[in-house]
Amino acid sequence: MLDTGVDVSVEGLLQTSTGETKVIDVQDFSTEGDFTIYEADVDTQDDSIVFSNSSKGFSVKALQDKLLKSVDGKFLIGALPEKHFINSTSGIRDFHGDNTPEHVFHFIVFYALENGEQFWVVYFDMDADGDLSDEKPIRSYKEKYDYFTVPNVKGLPLFPFALNIFPDLKKVTFHFDDGSHGTHCAGIAAGNNMAMQD
């Protein structure tokens, strides 16, 4: 389905009638979700690793034992500013709902090793506190069906993201529903026990 994107967290689109994952891949062809990643300088500070790119003003840290192991010791860094979405038809302008839509969410990208498997991974600073120690690794959606939501003020609807990592193109593409139409049409075409709203 080509549309405004699909909310991969909607209950009726999570599983097929036989219990398999329904949405098996997501791609953004609009370039709206494209964010460039840059080579990161890596320094140690007490028990933490600090990732930075001084020319871009990017910096984020993590406790060494909270990250997966890098295969080659190389890291890339990027940033997703809230102001990027100021004109988005999704309605999301203030991720945290704290009336200060000036947050910048930094993230790192690297080729990781876990249990003998090697893969590209993103750690995204969901609470924008400059520390990745409490974040989980996220892979390109079609690999493990990973998605995430930025925590916000109680009562606001969650805004889910999936992503795709393109290391050769030096970018991460974040996928989201930029207007609800894609999710609406996907639900009509392929929903499983979609809840009806009055």
N, C-alpha and C. Protein backbone atom coordinates (compact mmCIF):
# COMPACT_ATOMS: atom_id res chain seq x y z
N MET A 1 0.84 -1.18 0.00
CA MET A 1 0.00 0.00 0.00
C MET A 1 0.88 1.24 0.00
N LEU A 2 0.68 2.15 -0.95
CA LEU A 2 1.39 3.43 -0.99
C LEU A 2 0.43 4.50 -0.50
N ASP A 3 0.78 5.14 0.60
CA ASP A 3 -0.13 6.14 1.18
C ASP A 3 0.69 7.01 2.13
N THR A 4 0.04 7.50 3.20
CA THR A 4 0.73 8.41 4.12
C THR A 4 1.59 7.69 5.15
N GLY A 5 1.71 6.39 5.03
CA GLY A 5 2.40 5.60 6.04
C GLY A 5 1.38 4.85 6.88
N VAL A 6 1.86 3.86 7.64
CA VAL A 6 0.97 3.03 8.44
C VAL A 6 1.42 3.04 9.89
N ASP A 7 0.48 3.20 10.80
CA ASP A 7 0.75 3.09 12.23
C ASP A 7 0.90 1.60 12.54
N VAL A 8 2.15 1.17 12.74
CA VAL A 8 2.40 -0.27 12.93
C VAL A 8 1.98 -0.77 14.30
N SER A 9 1.50 0.12 15.18
CA SER A 9 1.09 -0.30 16.52
C SER A 9 -0.41 -0.52 16.65
N VAL A 10 -1.17 -0.23 15.60
CA VAL A 10 -2.63 -0.39 15.66
C VAL A 10 -2.98 -1.87 15.82
N GLU A 11 -3.82 -2.16 16.80
CA GLU A 11 -4.11 -3.56 17.16
C GLU A 11 -4.57 -4.40 15.98
N GLY A 12 -5.43 -3.88 15.16
CA GLY A 12 -5.96 -4.65 14.05
C GLY A 12 -4.98 -4.89 12.92
N LEU A 13 -3.79 -4.25 13.01
CA LEU A 13 -2.76 -4.46 12.00
C LEU A 13 -1.54 -5.18 12.55
N LEU A 14 -1.63 -5.65 13.79
CA LEU A 14 -0.49 -6.32 14.40
C LEU A 14 -0.33 -7.76 13.92
N GLN A 15 -1.43 -8.49 13.84
CA GLN A 15 -1.35 -9.91 13.49
C GLN A 15 -2.41 -10.31 12.48
N THR A 16 -2.08 -11.35 11.73
CA THR A 16 -3.07 -11.95 10.83
C THR A 16 -4.03 -12.81 11.66
N SER A 17 -5.02 -13.36 11.02
CA SER A 17 -5.98 -14.21 11.73
C SER A 17 -5.34 -15.51 12.22
N THR A 18 -4.15 -15.84 11.69
CA THR A 18 -3.45 -17.05 12.14
C THR A 18 -2.27 -16.73 13.07
N GLY A 19 -2.19 -15.48 13.52
CA GLY A 19 -1.20 -15.11 14.52
C GLY A 19 0.16 -14.66 14.00
N GLU A 20 0.30 -14.50 12.69
CA GLU A 20 1.57 -14.03 12.15
C GLU A 20 1.58 -12.51 12.09
N THR A 21 2.78 -11.94 12.01
CA THR A 21 2.90 -10.49 11.90
C THR A 21 2.30 -10.02 10.59
N LYS A 22 1.44 -9.02 10.67
CA LYS A 22 0.73 -8.55 9.47
C LYS A 22 1.58 -7.59 8.64
N VAL A 23 2.11 -6.55 9.27
CA VAL A 23 2.92 -5.57 8.54
C VAL A 23 4.37 -6.08 8.54
N ILE A 24 4.84 -6.56 7.40
CA ILE A 24 6.16 -7.20 7.36
C ILE A 24 7.27 -6.27 6.85
N ASP A 25 6.91 -5.11 6.33
CA ASP A 25 7.93 -4.14 5.92
C ASP A 25 7.27 -2.77 5.81
N VAL A 26 8.05 -1.74 6.06
CA VAL A 26 7.58 -0.37 5.89
C VAL A 26 8.71 0.42 5.22
N GLN A 27 8.34 1.28 4.29
CA GLN A 27 9.32 2.12 3.60
C GLN A 27 8.74 3.52 3.43
N ASP A 28 9.61 4.52 3.50
CA ASP A 28 9.18 5.90 3.27
C ASP A 28 9.83 6.37 1.97
N PHE A 29 9.01 6.62 0.95
CA PHE A 29 9.52 7.08 -0.33
C PHE A 29 9.41 8.60 -0.48
N SER A 30 8.89 9.27 0.55
CA SER A 30 8.69 10.71 0.47
C SER A 30 9.95 11.51 0.80
N THR A 31 10.90 10.89 1.45
CA THR A 31 12.14 11.49 2.00
C THR A 31 11.88 12.32 3.25
N GLU A 32 10.61 12.46 3.67
CA GLU A 32 10.31 13.24 4.88
C GLU A 32 10.96 12.63 6.12
N GLY A 33 11.11 11.31 6.13
CA GLY A 33 11.68 10.65 7.29
C GLY A 33 13.17 10.40 7.20
N ASP A 34 13.83 10.95 6.17
CA ASP A 34 15.27 10.73 5.98
C ASP A 34 16.10 11.64 6.88
N PHE A 35 17.02 11.04 7.63
CA PHE A 35 17.94 11.81 8.46
C PHE A 35 19.36 11.31 8.22
N THR A 36 20.24 12.24 7.87
CA THR A 36 21.62 11.91 7.55
C THR A 36 22.37 11.49 8.81
N ILE A 37 23.24 10.51 8.67
CA ILE A 37 24.09 10.08 9.77
C ILE A 37 25.55 10.40 9.43
N TYR A 38 26.31 10.79 10.43
CA TYR A 38 27.67 11.26 10.26
C TYR A 38 28.63 10.43 11.11
N GLU A 39 29.88 10.40 10.72
CA GLU A 39 30.87 9.71 11.52
C GLU A 39 30.93 10.32 12.91
N ALA A 40 30.98 9.46 13.91
CA ALA A 40 31.01 9.94 15.30
C ALA A 40 32.40 9.77 15.89
N ASP A 41 32.86 10.79 16.60
CA ASP A 41 34.05 10.65 17.43
C ASP A 41 33.62 9.92 18.70
N VAL A 42 34.48 9.07 19.21
CA VAL A 42 34.16 8.27 20.38
C VAL A 42 35.19 8.54 21.48
N ASP A 43 34.72 8.96 22.65
CA ASP A 43 35.58 9.21 23.80
C ASP A 43 34.99 8.50 25.01
N THR A 44 35.82 8.24 25.99
CA THR A 44 35.34 7.64 27.23
C THR A 44 35.33 8.68 28.33
N GLN A 45 34.35 8.57 29.21
CA GLN A 45 34.19 9.50 30.33
C GLN A 45 33.67 8.68 31.51
N ASP A 46 34.57 8.39 32.44
CA ASP A 46 34.24 7.48 33.54
C ASP A 46 33.79 6.13 32.96
N ASP A 47 32.57 5.70 33.26
CA ASP A 47 32.07 4.42 32.75
C ASP A 47 31.27 4.58 31.46
N SER A 48 31.25 5.78 30.91
CA SER A 48 30.42 6.06 29.74
C SER A 48 31.25 6.25 28.48
N ILE A 49 30.60 6.00 27.35
CA ILE A 49 31.15 6.34 26.04
C ILE A 49 30.40 7.58 25.56
N VAL A 50 31.14 8.56 25.05
CA VAL A 50 30.53 9.77 24.50
C VAL A 50 30.71 9.75 22.99
N PHE A 51 29.59 9.85 22.28
CA PHE A 51 29.58 9.88 20.82
C PHE A 51 29.28 11.31 20.40
N SER A 52 30.06 11.85 19.46
CA SER A 52 29.84 13.24 19.09
C SER A 52 30.28 13.51 17.65
N ASN A 53 29.76 14.57 17.12
CA ASN A 53 30.24 15.14 15.86
C ASN A 53 30.24 16.64 16.07
N SER A 54 31.42 17.19 16.27
CA SER A 54 31.52 18.60 16.66
C SER A 54 31.05 19.54 15.56
N SER A 55 31.24 19.17 14.30
CA SER A 55 30.83 20.07 13.22
C SER A 55 29.32 20.22 13.15
N LYS A 56 28.58 19.21 13.62
CA LYS A 56 27.12 19.26 13.63
C LYS A 56 26.56 19.63 15.00
N GLY A 57 27.42 19.62 16.01
CA GLY A 57 26.94 19.91 17.36
C GLY A 57 26.18 18.76 17.98
N PHE A 58 26.41 17.54 17.50
CA PHE A 58 25.72 16.36 18.02
C PHE A 58 26.54 15.74 19.14
N SER A 59 25.88 15.31 20.19
CA SER A 59 26.56 14.61 21.28
C SER A 59 25.55 13.82 22.10
N VAL A 60 25.92 12.58 22.43
CA VAL A 60 25.08 11.73 23.26
C VAL A 60 25.99 10.69 23.90
N LYS A 61 25.62 10.19 25.06
CA LYS A 61 26.48 9.24 25.75
C LYS A 61 25.70 7.99 26.13
N ALA A 62 26.44 6.99 26.60
CA ALA A 62 25.83 5.75 27.09
C ALA A 62 26.83 5.02 27.98
N LEU A 63 26.34 4.33 28.98
CA LEU A 63 27.18 3.46 29.77
C LEU A 63 27.68 2.33 28.87
N GLN A 64 28.96 2.01 28.98
CA GLN A 64 29.57 1.04 28.07
C GLN A 64 28.87 -0.31 28.09
N ASP A 65 28.44 -0.74 29.27
CA ASP A 65 27.85 -2.08 29.37
C ASP A 65 26.37 -2.14 29.00
N LYS A 66 25.80 -1.02 28.54
CA LYS A 66 24.39 -0.99 28.17
C LYS A 66 24.17 -1.09 26.65
N LEU A 67 25.26 -1.10 25.89
CA LEU A 67 25.15 -1.18 24.44
C LEU A 67 25.60 -2.55 23.94
N LEU A 68 25.06 -2.95 22.79
CA LEU A 68 25.60 -4.12 22.12
C LEU A 68 27.03 -3.83 21.68
N LYS A 69 27.78 -4.86 21.39
CA LYS A 69 29.17 -4.70 20.97
C LYS A 69 29.22 -4.29 19.50
N SER A 70 30.06 -3.32 19.19
CA SER A 70 30.29 -2.92 17.81
C SER A 70 31.28 -3.88 17.16
N VAL A 71 30.98 -4.32 15.94
CA VAL A 71 31.85 -5.25 15.24
C VAL A 71 33.20 -4.62 14.93
N ASP A 72 33.18 -3.36 14.45
CA ASP A 72 34.41 -2.72 13.99
C ASP A 72 34.83 -1.51 14.81
N GLY A 73 34.09 -1.20 15.88
CA GLY A 73 34.44 -0.06 16.71
C GLY A 73 34.07 1.29 16.11
N LYS A 74 33.32 1.28 15.00
CA LYS A 74 32.93 2.53 14.34
C LYS A 74 31.47 2.84 14.63
N PHE A 75 31.18 4.13 14.78
CA PHE A 75 29.84 4.57 15.10
C PHE A 75 29.46 5.76 14.22
N LEU A 76 28.17 5.87 13.94
CA LEU A 76 27.61 7.01 13.22
C LEU A 76 26.60 7.69 14.14
N ILE A 77 26.39 8.97 13.93
CA ILE A 77 25.49 9.72 14.80
C ILE A 77 24.57 10.60 13.96
N GLY A 78 23.34 10.77 14.44
CA GLY A 78 22.37 11.61 13.77
C GLY A 78 21.47 12.28 14.80
N ALA A 79 20.57 13.11 14.32
CA ALA A 79 19.65 13.82 15.21
C ALA A 79 18.33 14.06 14.52
N LEU A 80 17.25 13.90 15.29
CA LEU A 80 15.90 14.15 14.81
C LEU A 80 15.31 15.27 15.66
N PRO A 81 15.22 16.49 15.12
CA PRO A 81 14.65 17.61 15.90
C PRO A 81 13.13 17.64 15.79
N GLU A 82 12.48 17.97 16.89
CA GLU A 82 11.01 18.09 16.87
C GLU A 82 10.55 19.09 15.82
N LYS A 83 11.31 20.16 15.62
CA LYS A 83 10.86 21.20 14.69
C LYS A 83 10.78 20.71 13.25
N HIS A 84 11.38 19.55 12.97
CA HIS A 84 11.27 18.96 11.64
C HIS A 84 9.81 18.65 11.29
N PHE A 85 8.99 18.44 12.31
CA PHE A 85 7.61 18.02 12.11
C PHE A 85 6.61 19.17 12.24
N ILE A 86 7.10 20.40 12.26
CA ILE A 86 6.21 21.54 12.52
C ILE A 86 5.09 21.67 11.49
N ASN A 87 5.36 21.25 10.25
CA ASN A 87 4.33 21.33 9.20
C ASN A 87 3.78 19.97 8.81
N SER A 88 4.06 18.95 9.62
CA SER A 88 3.59 17.62 9.31
C SER A 88 2.08 17.53 9.45
N THR A 89 1.44 16.84 8.52
CA THR A 89 -0.02 16.66 8.61
C THR A 89 -0.39 15.60 9.64
N SER A 90 0.62 14.97 10.25
CA SER A 90 0.35 13.98 11.29
C SER A 90 -0.21 14.62 12.55
N GLY A 91 0.03 15.93 12.72
CA GLY A 91 -0.43 16.62 13.93
C GLY A 91 0.58 16.57 15.06
N ILE A 92 1.68 15.84 14.88
CA ILE A 92 2.69 15.75 15.93
C ILE A 92 3.68 16.91 15.79
N ARG A 93 3.71 17.76 16.79
CA ARG A 93 4.64 18.87 16.78
C ARG A 93 5.43 18.95 18.08
N ASP A 94 4.90 18.33 19.10
CA ASP A 94 5.50 18.37 20.43
C ASP A 94 5.46 16.95 20.99
N PHE A 95 6.52 16.18 20.71
CA PHE A 95 6.50 14.75 21.02
C PHE A 95 6.19 14.46 22.47
N HIS A 96 6.79 15.21 23.38
CA HIS A 96 6.60 14.94 24.80
C HIS A 96 5.33 15.56 25.36
N GLY A 97 4.72 16.48 24.60
CA GLY A 97 3.51 17.14 25.09
C GLY A 97 3.77 18.06 26.25
N ASP A 98 4.98 18.64 26.31
CA ASP A 98 5.33 19.51 27.44
C ASP A 98 5.38 20.98 27.04
N ASN A 99 4.80 21.30 25.87
CA ASN A 99 4.74 22.67 25.38
C ASN A 99 6.11 23.29 25.13
N THR A 100 7.11 22.45 24.92
CA THR A 100 8.43 22.95 24.53
C THR A 100 8.92 22.11 23.35
N PRO A 101 8.39 22.38 22.15
CA PRO A 101 8.73 21.56 20.99
C PRO A 101 10.10 21.90 20.39
N GLU A 102 11.11 21.93 21.26
CA GLU A 102 12.46 22.26 20.82
C GLU A 102 13.42 21.11 21.09
N HIS A 103 12.90 19.95 21.46
CA HIS A 103 13.79 18.83 21.76
C HIS A 103 14.50 18.33 20.50
N VAL A 104 15.70 17.82 20.71
CA VAL A 104 16.44 17.16 19.64
C VAL A 104 16.76 15.75 20.13
N PHE A 105 16.35 14.77 19.36
CA PHE A 105 16.53 13.36 19.72
C PHE A 105 17.75 12.83 18.96
N HIS A 106 18.87 12.65 19.67
CA HIS A 106 20.07 12.11 19.03
C HIS A 106 20.00 10.59 18.97
N PHE A 107 20.70 10.03 18.02
CA PHE A 107 20.76 8.57 17.89
C PHE A 107 22.11 8.17 17.31
N ILE A 108 22.52 6.94 17.65
CA ILE A 108 23.74 6.39 17.07
C ILE A 108 23.40 5.16 16.26
N VAL A 109 24.26 4.87 15.31
CA VAL A 109 24.07 3.75 14.40
C VAL A 109 25.40 3.00 14.33
N PHE A 110 25.34 1.67 14.41
CA PHE A 110 26.57 0.91 14.24
C PHE A 110 26.27 -0.54 13.86
N TYR A 111 27.31 -1.21 13.42
CA TYR A 111 27.21 -2.62 13.03
C TYR A 111 27.48 -3.44 14.27
N ALA A 112 26.45 -4.13 14.75
CA ALA A 112 26.49 -4.75 16.07
C ALA A 112 26.67 -6.26 15.99
N LEU A 113 27.10 -6.81 17.12
CA LEU A 113 27.28 -8.25 17.27
C LEU A 113 26.52 -8.71 18.49
N GLU A 114 25.68 -9.75 18.31
CA GLU A 114 24.95 -10.33 19.43
C GLU A 114 24.71 -11.81 19.16
N ASN A 115 25.16 -12.65 20.08
CA ASN A 115 24.97 -14.10 19.96
C ASN A 115 25.43 -14.65 18.61
N GLY A 116 26.55 -14.13 18.13
CA GLY A 116 27.12 -14.60 16.87
C GLY A 116 26.50 -13.98 15.63
N GLU A 117 25.44 -13.17 15.79
CA GLU A 117 24.78 -12.53 14.65
C GLU A 117 25.27 -11.09 14.51
N GLN A 118 25.47 -10.65 13.28
CA GLN A 118 25.89 -9.28 13.01
C GLN A 118 24.79 -8.54 12.25
N PHE A 119 24.52 -7.30 12.64
CA PHE A 119 23.44 -6.53 12.04
C PHE A 119 23.61 -5.05 12.38
N TRP A 120 22.98 -4.20 11.59
CA TRP A 120 22.97 -2.77 11.86
C TRP A 120 21.89 -2.44 12.89
N VAL A 121 22.20 -1.49 13.74
CA VAL A 121 21.29 -1.17 14.84
C VAL A 121 21.31 0.33 15.12
N VAL A 122 20.20 0.83 15.64
CA VAL A 122 20.06 2.22 16.08
C VAL A 122 19.73 2.24 17.57
N TYR A 123 20.37 3.14 18.30
CA TYR A 123 19.95 3.49 19.66
C TYR A 123 19.44 4.92 19.59
N PHE A 124 18.17 5.12 19.94
CA PHE A 124 17.49 6.42 19.79
C PHE A 124 17.17 6.97 21.18
N ASP A 125 17.55 8.22 21.42
CA ASP A 125 17.37 8.85 22.73
C ASP A 125 15.92 9.31 22.88
N MET A 126 15.03 8.40 23.25
CA MET A 126 13.59 8.67 23.26
C MET A 126 13.16 9.76 24.23
N ASP A 127 13.89 9.90 25.35
CA ASP A 127 13.51 10.95 26.30
C ASP A 127 14.35 12.21 26.15
N ALA A 128 15.21 12.25 25.12
CA ALA A 128 16.02 13.44 24.80
C ALA A 128 16.81 13.95 25.99
N ASP A 129 17.33 13.01 26.80
CA ASP A 129 18.11 13.42 27.96
C ASP A 129 19.62 13.31 27.74
N GLY A 130 20.02 13.01 26.49
CA GLY A 130 21.43 12.94 26.17
C GLY A 130 22.11 11.65 26.60
N ASP A 131 21.32 10.65 27.01
CA ASP A 131 21.88 9.40 27.52
C ASP A 131 21.12 8.22 26.91
N LEU A 132 21.86 7.33 26.27
CA LEU A 132 21.26 6.17 25.61
C LEU A 132 21.24 4.92 26.49
N SER A 133 21.71 5.05 27.72
CA SER A 133 21.86 3.88 28.58
C SER A 133 20.55 3.15 28.84
N ASP A 134 19.43 3.88 28.80
CA ASP A 134 18.12 3.27 29.08
C ASP A 134 17.34 2.95 27.81
N GLU A 135 18.02 2.99 26.66
CA GLU A 135 17.33 2.72 25.40
C GLU A 135 17.63 1.31 24.90
N LYS A 136 16.73 0.80 24.05
CA LYS A 136 16.89 -0.55 23.50
C LYS A 136 17.35 -0.45 22.05
N PRO A 137 18.07 -1.45 21.58
CA PRO A 137 18.50 -1.44 20.17
C PRO A 137 17.31 -1.62 19.24
N ILE A 138 17.33 -0.90 18.13
CA ILE A 138 16.26 -0.95 17.13
C ILE A 138 16.87 -1.33 15.79
N ARG A 139 16.30 -2.33 15.15
CA ARG A 139 16.78 -2.75 13.84
C ARG A 139 15.83 -2.30 12.75
N SER A 140 16.28 -2.38 11.50
CA SER A 140 15.39 -2.08 10.38
C SER A 140 14.13 -2.92 10.53
N TYR A 141 12.97 -2.32 10.29
CA TYR A 141 11.69 -2.92 10.65
C TYR A 141 11.52 -4.35 10.15
N LYS A 142 11.86 -4.61 8.90
CA LYS A 142 11.57 -5.94 8.34
C LYS A 142 12.39 -7.05 8.99
N GLU A 143 13.44 -6.70 9.73
CA GLU A 143 14.28 -7.73 10.35
C GLU A 143 13.66 -8.32 11.60
N LYS A 144 13.15 -7.45 12.49
CA LYS A 144 12.60 -7.92 13.76
C LYS A 144 11.26 -7.28 14.11
N TYR A 145 10.70 -6.49 13.17
CA TYR A 145 9.44 -5.78 13.37
C TYR A 145 9.52 -4.83 14.58
N ASP A 146 10.70 -4.22 14.77
CA ASP A 146 10.87 -3.26 15.86
C ASP A 146 10.14 -1.95 15.54
N TYR A 147 9.49 -1.40 16.53
CA TYR A 147 8.98 -0.03 16.44
C TYR A 147 9.02 0.56 17.84
N PHE A 148 8.90 1.88 17.92
CA PHE A 148 8.99 2.54 19.21
C PHE A 148 8.12 3.78 19.24
N THR A 149 7.81 4.24 20.43
CA THR A 149 7.06 5.48 20.61
C THR A 149 7.82 6.37 21.59
N VAL A 150 7.75 7.66 21.35
CA VAL A 150 8.38 8.62 22.25
C VAL A 150 7.43 8.84 23.42
N PRO A 151 7.91 8.68 24.67
CA PRO A 151 7.02 8.89 25.82
C PRO A 151 6.53 10.32 25.89
N ASN A 152 5.28 10.49 26.33
CA ASN A 152 4.73 11.84 26.39
C ASN A 152 3.84 12.01 27.62
N VAL A 153 3.28 13.20 27.74
CA VAL A 153 2.38 13.51 28.84
C VAL A 153 1.19 12.57 28.82
N LYS A 154 0.79 12.10 30.00
CA LYS A 154 -0.33 11.16 30.09
C LYS A 154 -1.57 11.72 29.41
N GLY A 155 -2.21 10.87 28.64
CA GLY A 155 -3.44 11.25 27.97
C GLY A 155 -3.28 11.57 26.50
N LEU A 156 -2.05 11.87 26.06
CA LEU A 156 -1.83 12.13 24.65
C LEU A 156 -1.69 10.82 23.90
N PRO A 157 -2.16 10.75 22.67
CA PRO A 157 -1.97 9.51 21.90
C PRO A 157 -0.50 9.28 21.60
N LEU A 158 -0.09 8.03 21.57
CA LEU A 158 1.29 7.70 21.24
C LEU A 158 1.52 7.86 19.74
N PHE A 159 2.76 8.17 19.37
CA PHE A 159 3.10 8.38 17.98
C PHE A 159 4.22 7.39 17.62
N PRO A 160 3.88 6.26 17.01
CA PRO A 160 4.87 5.21 16.77
C PRO A 160 5.74 5.46 15.53
N PHE A 161 6.98 5.06 15.64
CA PHE A 161 7.94 5.10 14.55
C PHE A 161 8.49 3.70 14.30
N ALA A 162 8.75 3.39 13.05
CA ALA A 162 9.62 2.28 12.68
C ALA A 162 10.77 2.94 11.90
N LEU A 163 11.78 2.18 11.56
CA LEU A 163 12.88 2.80 10.83
C LEU A 163 13.57 1.79 9.92
N ASN A 164 14.34 2.35 9.00
CA ASN A 164 15.19 1.56 8.11
C ASN A 164 16.57 2.20 8.08
N ILE A 165 17.58 1.35 8.18
CA ILE A 165 18.96 1.82 8.24
C ILE A 165 19.61 1.61 6.88
N PHE A 166 20.19 2.68 6.33
CA PHE A 166 20.87 2.63 5.04
C PHE A 166 22.30 3.14 5.22
N PRO A 167 23.19 2.29 5.75
CA PRO A 167 24.55 2.77 6.05
C PRO A 167 25.32 3.23 4.82
N ASP A 168 25.11 2.58 3.67
CA ASP A 168 25.83 2.98 2.47
C ASP A 168 25.40 4.36 1.98
N LEU A 169 24.15 4.71 2.26
CA LEU A 169 23.62 6.02 1.86
C LEU A 169 23.78 7.05 2.97
N LYS A 170 24.34 6.61 4.10
CA LYS A 170 24.56 7.47 5.26
C LYS A 170 23.25 8.13 5.73
N LYS A 171 22.22 7.29 5.89
CA LYS A 171 20.95 7.83 6.38
C LYS A 171 20.17 6.77 7.13
N VAL A 172 19.32 7.24 8.02
CA VAL A 172 18.29 6.43 8.65
C VAL A 172 16.96 7.04 8.24
N THR A 173 16.03 6.20 7.80
CA THR A 173 14.72 6.69 7.40
C THR A 173 13.69 6.25 8.45
N PHE A 174 13.05 7.23 9.06
CA PHE A 174 12.02 6.97 10.07
C PHE A 174 10.66 6.90 9.37
N HIS A 175 9.92 5.85 9.65
CA HIS A 175 8.61 5.64 9.04
C HIS A 175 7.52 5.93 10.06
N PHE A 176 6.52 6.69 9.65
CA PHE A 176 5.39 7.02 10.53
C PHE A 176 4.20 7.35 9.66
N ASP A 177 3.03 7.38 10.26
CA ASP A 177 1.82 7.73 9.52
C ASP A 177 1.67 9.25 9.56
N ASP A 178 1.87 9.88 8.42
CA ASP A 178 1.86 11.33 8.35
C ASP A 178 0.47 11.88 8.00
N GLY A 179 -0.56 11.34 8.63
CA GLY A 179 -1.87 11.90 8.36
C GLY A 179 -3.03 10.96 8.57
N SER A 180 -2.80 9.74 9.00
CA SER A 180 -3.80 8.72 9.36
C SER A 180 -4.47 8.06 8.15
N HIS A 181 -4.34 8.63 6.97
CA HIS A 181 -5.04 8.04 5.81
C HIS A 181 -4.48 6.67 5.47
N GLY A 182 -3.16 6.51 5.57
CA GLY A 182 -2.55 5.22 5.26
C GLY A 182 -3.02 4.13 6.20
N THR A 183 -3.08 4.44 7.48
CA THR A 183 -3.55 3.47 8.47
C THR A 183 -5.02 3.14 8.24
N HIS A 184 -5.82 4.16 7.93
CA HIS A 184 -7.24 3.97 7.66
C HIS A 184 -7.44 3.01 6.48
N CYS A 185 -6.71 3.25 5.39
CA CYS A 185 -6.87 2.40 4.20
C CYS A 185 -6.31 1.00 4.44
N ALA A 186 -5.20 0.90 5.17
CA ALA A 186 -4.64 -0.41 5.47
C ALA A 186 -5.61 -1.23 6.32
N GLY A 187 -6.29 -0.55 7.23
CA GLY A 187 -7.27 -1.22 8.07
C GLY A 187 -8.44 -1.75 7.27
N ILE A 188 -8.90 -0.96 6.30
CA ILE A 188 -10.00 -1.40 5.44
C ILE A 188 -9.56 -2.58 4.58
N ALA A 189 -8.36 -2.48 4.01
CA ALA A 189 -7.90 -3.50 3.07
C ALA A 189 -7.46 -4.79 3.74
N ALA A 190 -6.84 -4.66 4.93
CA ALA A 190 -6.19 -5.85 5.48
C ALA A 190 -6.31 -5.98 6.99
N GLY A 191 -7.18 -5.20 7.61
CA GLY A 191 -7.28 -5.25 9.06
C GLY A 191 -7.84 -6.58 9.57
N ASN A 192 -7.43 -6.95 10.76
CA ASN A 192 -7.92 -8.17 11.39
C ASN A 192 -8.57 -7.80 12.72
N ASN A 193 -9.89 -7.91 12.79
CA ASN A 193 -10.65 -7.53 13.98
C ASN A 193 -10.38 -6.08 14.37
N MET A 194 -10.47 -5.20 13.38
CA MET A 194 -10.28 -3.77 13.66
C MET A 194 -11.42 -3.27 14.54
N ALA A 195 -11.07 -2.51 15.56
CA ALA A 195 -12.08 -1.93 16.45
C ALA A 195 -12.79 -0.80 15.71
N MET A 196 -14.09 -0.76 15.83
CA MET A 196 -14.88 0.30 15.18
C MET A 196 -15.09 1.43 16.18
N GLN A 197 -14.95 2.66 15.68
CA GLN A 197 -15.15 3.85 16.50
C GLN A 197 -16.42 4.56 16.05
N ASP A 198 -17.18 5.09 17.03
CA ASP A 198 -18.37 5.87 16.69
C ASP A 198 -17.96 7.25 16.24
